[in-house]
Amino acid sequence: MLTIPIALATHFASPRLTLAVLCRAVRLDGAVFGFTDVDIDLPVGGQLYRAGALGLTMSAHASGGAFQPDNYDVVGILSPSGGVTQDDILAGLWDGAALSFQIVNYRSLADGVLSEGVGTIGKISTTSLGFTAEFLDIQQPLSQNLLRTVGYVCDAVLGDARCKVDLAPFTRTATVGPSPIPTSRTFTDASRTEANGWWSGGNAIVTSSSNPSSVGMKMEIKTFTSGGHFELLHDLYYGIAPDDELTITPGCNHEKKRADGYTGDCVVKYLNGINFQGEDAILGQDAALTYQTT
């Protein structure tokens, strides 16, 4: 139930409103920021909400009511002094950041606060000067399917508690070679002699780099081909340079065995068929539509 402090409710009924929106953001790395859409700093609840640092504005607020999540966008200015930079956004530091919004009477903070919403950042996009972040209401998970579904392939994450594969023996260090010249998405380590596809679907984490900002960046490996050629799923924002080192883990095709006799990674690569989390006995749609043979 929405609770409005009496003093603030009285102000809402007045003909002249002096309202401010407060936005508190907590990133996954623990950094905390406070922003407001008015031109004075506001200390509320032990948090300083900075004026004009973000150029904070909000789109029209569409409330779904009941168990429907609220929906709106937060628009701001990219500014190192304001705490939000394009580098940080593209590096993923703002992904999943927790947001909370409040409304106050900035001329009388003692009137109390009205909670406007709690949630996380969803999709976020940037331009040369600003950014737009999607606000995902705290009720957003209620609109998503969180249950397991029946499927032919394994739905476990490689190495998790259900999969039970110990990835340590499979983990290697790749050193970026000078040729071909590495890009933000591709690199070569000629010492990696595994078969085509061995590392495809796995992960690469930068552990040593001439650019300290790159260290810790993680990306899925899209393809691996013989000769040690790696292609990542997306660009690493800070790029890759020769002699950089990445910790790499292999991927899994999440298959056990197909009707055509193909044996998947679960059995061949990881010897882990006993922990396969798919329903490999399901014949599938193709088998259901075939005609009977004698």
Protein backbone atom coordinates (compact mmCIF):
# COMPACT_ATOMS: atom_id res chain seq x y z
CA MET A 1 0.00 0.00 0.00
CA LEU A 2 1.29 3.45 -0.94
CA THR A 3 1.96 5.56 2.13
CA ILE A 4 2.29 9.35 1.84
CA PRO A 5 3.49 11.36 4.82
CA ILE A 6 0.79 13.76 6.01
CA ALA A 7 2.96 16.85 5.53
CA LEU A 8 3.88 15.80 2.01
CA ALA A 9 0.26 15.00 1.16
CA THR A 10 -0.69 18.49 2.35
CA HIS A 11 1.94 19.94 0.03
CA PHE A 12 0.57 17.90 -2.88
CA ALA A 13 -2.78 19.64 -2.34
CA SER A 14 -1.24 23.11 -2.45
CA PRO A 15 -1.42 25.22 -5.64
CA ARG A 16 2.36 25.71 -5.83
CA LEU A 17 4.47 22.57 -5.78
CA THR A 18 8.18 22.40 -5.07
CA LEU A 19 8.85 18.75 -5.77
CA ALA A 20 12.09 16.98 -6.61
CA VAL A 21 12.81 13.48 -7.85
CA LEU A 22 15.63 11.65 -6.08
CA CYS A 23 17.42 8.72 -7.70
CA ARG A 24 19.72 6.47 -5.67
CA ALA A 25 21.84 4.07 -7.69
CA VAL A 26 23.90 1.19 -6.32
CA ARG A 27 26.14 -0.56 -8.84
CA LEU A 28 27.10 -4.21 -8.52
CA ASP A 29 30.63 -3.16 -7.59
CA GLY A 30 29.20 -1.40 -4.52
CA ALA A 31 29.58 2.19 -5.75
CA VAL A 32 26.66 4.38 -4.61
CA PHE A 33 25.39 7.51 -6.38
CA GLY A 34 22.66 10.03 -5.64
CA PHE A 35 21.05 12.28 -8.25
CA THR A 36 18.22 14.82 -8.29
CA ASP A 37 16.45 16.78 -11.01
CA VAL A 38 16.58 20.16 -9.24
CA ASP A 39 19.42 22.69 -9.11
CA ILE A 40 20.40 22.30 -5.45
CA ASP A 41 22.04 19.41 -3.61
CA LEU A 42 19.63 17.57 -1.32
CA PRO A 43 20.80 15.58 1.74
CA VAL A 44 18.11 12.97 2.41
CA GLY A 45 18.40 9.87 4.60
CA GLY A 46 22.17 10.10 4.86
CA GLN A 47 22.64 10.25 1.07
CA LEU A 48 23.63 13.43 -0.80
CA TYR A 49 21.62 13.77 -4.00
CA ARG A 50 23.66 15.93 -6.32
CA ALA A 51 22.11 18.72 -8.36
CA GLY A 52 22.55 18.81 -12.11
CA ALA A 53 25.30 16.18 -12.03
CA LEU A 54 23.27 13.83 -14.19
CA GLY A 55 20.79 16.07 -15.98
CA LEU A 56 18.24 13.59 -14.67
CA THR A 57 14.87 13.35 -16.39
CA MET A 58 12.27 10.58 -16.45
CA SER A 59 9.86 9.56 -19.19
CA ALA A 60 6.12 9.41 -18.61
CA HIS A 61 5.45 6.90 -15.85
CA ALA A 62 3.21 4.03 -16.98
CA SER A 63 1.99 2.06 -13.98
CA GLY A 64 0.55 -1.35 -14.67
CA GLY A 65 -1.15 -1.72 -11.29
CA ALA A 66 -1.76 -5.02 -9.49
CA PHE A 67 1.15 -7.33 -10.34
CA GLN A 68 2.08 -5.58 -13.60
CA PRO A 69 5.56 -3.98 -13.47
CA ASP A 70 5.93 -0.22 -13.84
CA ASN A 71 7.65 1.00 -16.98
CA TYR A 72 9.67 4.12 -17.66
CA ASP A 73 13.07 5.31 -18.87
CA VAL A 74 15.69 7.37 -17.09
CA VAL A 75 17.55 9.87 -19.27
CA GLY A 76 20.74 11.62 -18.23
CA ILE A 77 23.91 13.36 -19.36
CA LEU A 78 27.25 11.59 -19.63
CA SER A 79 29.66 13.39 -17.34
CA PRO A 80 32.77 12.27 -15.42
CA SER A 81 31.91 14.77 -12.69
CA GLY A 82 28.39 13.42 -12.56
CA GLY A 83 29.53 9.85 -12.00
CA VAL A 84 28.18 8.32 -15.24
CA THR A 85 30.60 7.95 -18.14
CA GLN A 86 30.36 6.20 -21.48
CA ASP A 87 33.41 4.10 -20.62
CA ASP A 88 31.73 2.76 -17.48
CA ILE A 89 28.48 2.00 -19.32
CA LEU A 90 30.18 0.18 -22.20
CA ALA A 91 32.38 -1.68 -19.72
CA GLY A 92 29.22 -3.05 -18.09
CA LEU A 93 29.67 -1.36 -14.71
CA TRP A 94 26.08 -0.08 -14.75
CA ASP A 95 24.49 -3.37 -15.85
CA GLY A 96 21.95 -4.52 -13.28
CA ALA A 97 22.52 -1.53 -10.98
CA ALA A 98 19.82 -1.15 -8.30
CA LEU A 99 17.71 2.01 -8.57
CA SER A 100 15.30 3.60 -6.13
CA PHE A 101 13.26 6.74 -6.71
CA GLN A 102 11.69 9.09 -4.21
CA ILE A 103 9.78 12.34 -4.35
CA VAL A 104 10.39 15.10 -1.81
CA ASN A 105 9.48 18.74 -1.19
CA TYR A 106 12.90 20.24 -1.74
CA ARG A 107 11.97 23.39 0.19
CA SER A 108 10.93 21.36 3.20
CA LEU A 109 12.73 18.03 3.36
CA ALA A 110 11.20 17.39 6.78
CA ASP A 111 7.87 16.76 5.01
CA GLY A 112 9.10 13.24 4.32
CA VAL A 113 9.55 11.15 1.19
CA LEU A 114 7.26 9.31 -1.20
CA SER A 115 8.73 6.12 -2.63
CA GLU A 116 8.18 6.12 -6.37
CA GLY A 117 9.76 2.81 -7.33
CA VAL A 118 12.48 0.27 -6.69
CA GLY A 119 14.10 -1.87 -9.33
CA THR A 120 17.14 -2.32 -11.53
CA ILE A 121 18.60 -0.98 -14.75
CA GLY A 122 17.62 -2.97 -17.82
CA LYS A 123 18.71 -2.02 -21.31
CA ILE A 124 20.95 1.03 -21.45
CA SER A 125 22.02 2.92 -24.57
CA THR A 126 24.32 5.88 -25.11
CA THR A 127 24.76 8.78 -27.52
CA SER A 128 27.69 11.18 -27.77
CA LEU A 129 26.32 13.28 -24.89
CA GLY A 130 23.79 11.26 -22.94
CA PHE A 131 22.25 7.91 -22.11
CA THR A 132 18.85 6.27 -21.76
CA ALA A 133 18.38 3.52 -19.19
CA GLU A 134 15.34 1.24 -18.91
CA PHE A 135 13.94 0.98 -15.40
CA LEU A 136 12.86 -2.55 -14.49
CA ASP A 137 10.38 -2.55 -11.64
CA ILE A 138 10.94 -4.87 -8.67
CA GLN A 139 7.90 -6.84 -9.90
CA GLN A 140 9.52 -7.53 -13.28
CA PRO A 141 10.58 -11.10 -12.32
CA LEU A 142 6.89 -11.94 -11.75
CA SER A 143 6.28 -11.57 -15.49
CA GLN A 144 9.07 -13.98 -16.41
CA ASN A 145 9.11 -17.76 -16.55
CA LEU A 146 11.52 -18.87 -13.82
CA LEU A 147 10.74 -22.59 -13.95
CA ARG A 148 12.63 -25.29 -15.76
CA THR A 149 11.15 -26.41 -19.07
CA VAL A 150 11.27 -29.84 -20.66
CA GLY A 151 13.84 -29.95 -23.42
CA TYR A 152 16.18 -32.24 -25.28
CA VAL A 153 19.32 -30.29 -24.40
CA CYS A 154 20.80 -29.81 -20.93
CA ASP A 155 19.68 -26.60 -19.21
CA ALA A 156 22.43 -26.55 -16.59
CA VAL A 157 25.24 -24.02 -16.69
CA LEU A 158 28.56 -25.70 -17.32
CA GLY A 159 30.29 -26.12 -13.96
CA ASP A 160 27.30 -25.23 -11.76
CA ALA A 161 25.87 -27.30 -8.89
CA ARG A 162 23.66 -29.37 -11.19
CA CYS A 163 26.29 -29.93 -13.86
CA LYS A 164 29.01 -30.78 -11.31
CA VAL A 165 31.85 -30.52 -13.84
CA ASP A 166 35.04 -29.18 -12.24
CA LEU A 167 36.31 -26.61 -14.75
CA ALA A 168 39.71 -26.18 -13.10
CA PRO A 169 41.38 -29.01 -15.10
CA PHE A 170 39.98 -27.53 -18.31
CA THR A 171 41.01 -23.93 -17.64
CA ARG A 172 43.98 -22.53 -19.57
CA THR A 173 45.76 -19.22 -20.09
CA ALA A 174 45.82 -17.76 -23.60
CA THR A 175 48.51 -15.23 -24.51
CA VAL A 176 47.59 -12.87 -27.32
CA GLY A 177 50.02 -13.12 -30.22
CA PRO A 178 51.18 -10.27 -32.47
CA SER A 179 49.98 -11.86 -35.71
CA PRO A 180 47.34 -11.58 -36.99
CA ILE A 181 46.98 -8.17 -35.32
CA PRO A 182 44.43 -8.59 -32.51
CA THR A 183 41.22 -6.57 -32.49
CA SER A 184 38.70 -5.86 -29.76
CA ARG A 185 36.95 -9.11 -30.74
CA THR A 186 39.58 -11.42 -32.24
CA PHE A 187 42.98 -12.68 -31.19
CA THR A 188 45.31 -15.62 -31.80
CA ASP A 189 47.36 -17.81 -29.49
CA ALA A 190 49.32 -20.19 -31.70
CA SER A 191 50.14 -22.41 -28.70
CA ARG A 192 46.50 -23.47 -28.43
CA THR A 193 46.37 -26.65 -30.48
CA GLU A 194 42.93 -27.94 -29.50
CA ALA A 195 40.44 -29.07 -32.15
CA ASN A 196 38.02 -26.73 -33.91
CA GLY A 197 35.25 -25.63 -31.58
CA TRP A 198 36.92 -26.79 -28.36
CA TRP A 199 36.70 -23.33 -26.76
CA SER A 200 33.56 -22.20 -28.60
CA GLY A 201 30.81 -21.19 -26.19
CA GLY A 202 33.28 -20.87 -23.34
CA ASN A 203 34.45 -17.73 -21.56
CA ALA A 204 37.52 -15.53 -21.68
CA ILE A 205 38.55 -13.23 -18.83
CA VAL A 206 41.36 -10.69 -19.23
CA THR A 207 43.81 -11.29 -16.36
CA SER A 208 46.83 -9.30 -17.55
CA SER A 209 46.96 -6.38 -19.97
CA SER A 210 48.98 -3.33 -20.94
CA ASN A 211 45.71 -1.44 -20.34
CA PRO A 212 44.75 -1.87 -16.66
CA SER A 213 41.13 -1.01 -17.48
CA SER A 214 40.89 -4.25 -19.47
CA VAL A 215 41.71 -6.50 -16.52
CA GLY A 216 38.62 -8.33 -15.29
CA MET A 217 36.66 -7.91 -18.53
CA LYS A 218 34.80 -11.10 -19.43
CA MET A 219 33.27 -12.20 -22.71
CA GLU A 220 31.87 -15.38 -24.24
CA ILE A 221 33.97 -17.06 -26.90
CA LYS A 222 31.93 -17.22 -30.10
CA THR A 223 34.21 -19.46 -32.16
CA PHE A 224 37.55 -21.18 -31.90
CA THR A 225 39.31 -22.55 -34.99
CA SER A 226 42.51 -24.52 -35.42
CA GLY A 227 45.66 -22.47 -35.26
CA GLY A 228 44.56 -20.81 -32.03
CA HIS A 229 42.15 -18.30 -33.56
CA PHE A 230 39.56 -16.92 -31.13
CA GLU A 231 36.53 -14.78 -31.94
CA LEU A 232 34.56 -13.28 -29.05
CA LEU A 233 30.80 -12.82 -29.05
CA HIS A 234 31.08 -9.03 -28.63
CA ASP A 235 33.85 -6.45 -28.60
CA LEU A 236 35.85 -5.91 -25.44
CA TYR A 237 35.47 -2.18 -24.95
CA TYR A 238 39.08 -1.54 -23.94
CA GLY A 239 40.45 -3.78 -26.68
CA ILE A 240 43.09 -6.53 -26.73
CA ALA A 241 46.81 -6.05 -27.30
CA PRO A 242 49.71 -8.43 -27.98
CA ASP A 243 51.02 -10.18 -24.86
CA ASP A 244 47.72 -9.68 -23.01
CA GLU A 245 46.72 -12.80 -21.08
CA LEU A 246 43.21 -14.24 -20.81
CA THR A 247 41.95 -17.09 -18.68
CA ILE A 248 39.85 -19.29 -20.93
CA THR A 249 37.37 -22.04 -20.17
CA PRO A 250 35.77 -24.31 -22.81
CA GLY A 251 32.12 -24.33 -23.77
CA CYS A 252 29.54 -27.10 -24.01
CA ASN A 253 26.91 -27.86 -26.63
CA HIS A 254 24.62 -29.20 -23.85
CA GLU A 255 23.89 -32.39 -25.75
CA LYS A 256 24.29 -36.02 -24.71
CA LYS A 257 23.30 -38.11 -27.68
CA ARG A 258 21.14 -37.55 -30.74
CA ALA A 259 19.01 -39.95 -32.74
CA ASP A 260 21.55 -39.75 -35.60
CA GLY A 261 24.18 -41.24 -33.31
CA TYR A 262 26.06 -38.00 -32.59
CA THR A 263 27.47 -37.96 -29.06
CA GLY A 264 27.63 -34.54 -27.43
CA ASP A 265 30.09 -32.72 -25.24
CA CYS A 266 28.51 -33.94 -22.02
CA VAL A 267 29.73 -37.47 -22.73
CA VAL A 268 32.75 -37.04 -24.99
CA LYS A 269 34.32 -33.85 -23.67
CA TYR A 270 33.48 -33.95 -19.97
CA LEU A 271 32.61 -37.63 -19.28
CA ASN A 272 29.62 -36.30 -17.38
CA GLY A 273 26.66 -38.12 -18.90
CA ILE A 274 25.41 -39.19 -15.47
CA ASN A 275 24.71 -35.55 -14.59
CA PHE A 276 23.06 -34.61 -17.90
CA GLN A 277 20.12 -32.30 -17.13
CA GLY A 278 18.18 -32.67 -20.38
CA GLU A 279 15.50 -35.16 -21.41
CA ASP A 280 17.45 -36.94 -24.13
CA ALA A 281 14.87 -39.73 -24.45
CA ILE A 282 12.38 -37.33 -26.00
CA LEU A 283 12.01 -38.20 -29.69
CA GLY A 284 11.17 -34.67 -30.75
CA GLN A 285 8.80 -33.16 -33.30
CA ASP A 286 10.51 -34.70 -36.34
CA ALA A 287 10.03 -38.22 -34.98
CA ALA A 288 6.38 -37.49 -34.15
CA LEU A 289 5.66 -36.43 -37.74
CA THR A 290 7.38 -39.32 -39.50
CA TYR A 291 5.35 -42.21 -40.91
CA GLN A 292 5.57 -45.74 -39.57
CA THR A 293 8.00 -48.09 -41.23
CA THR A 294 8.22 -51.83 -41.06
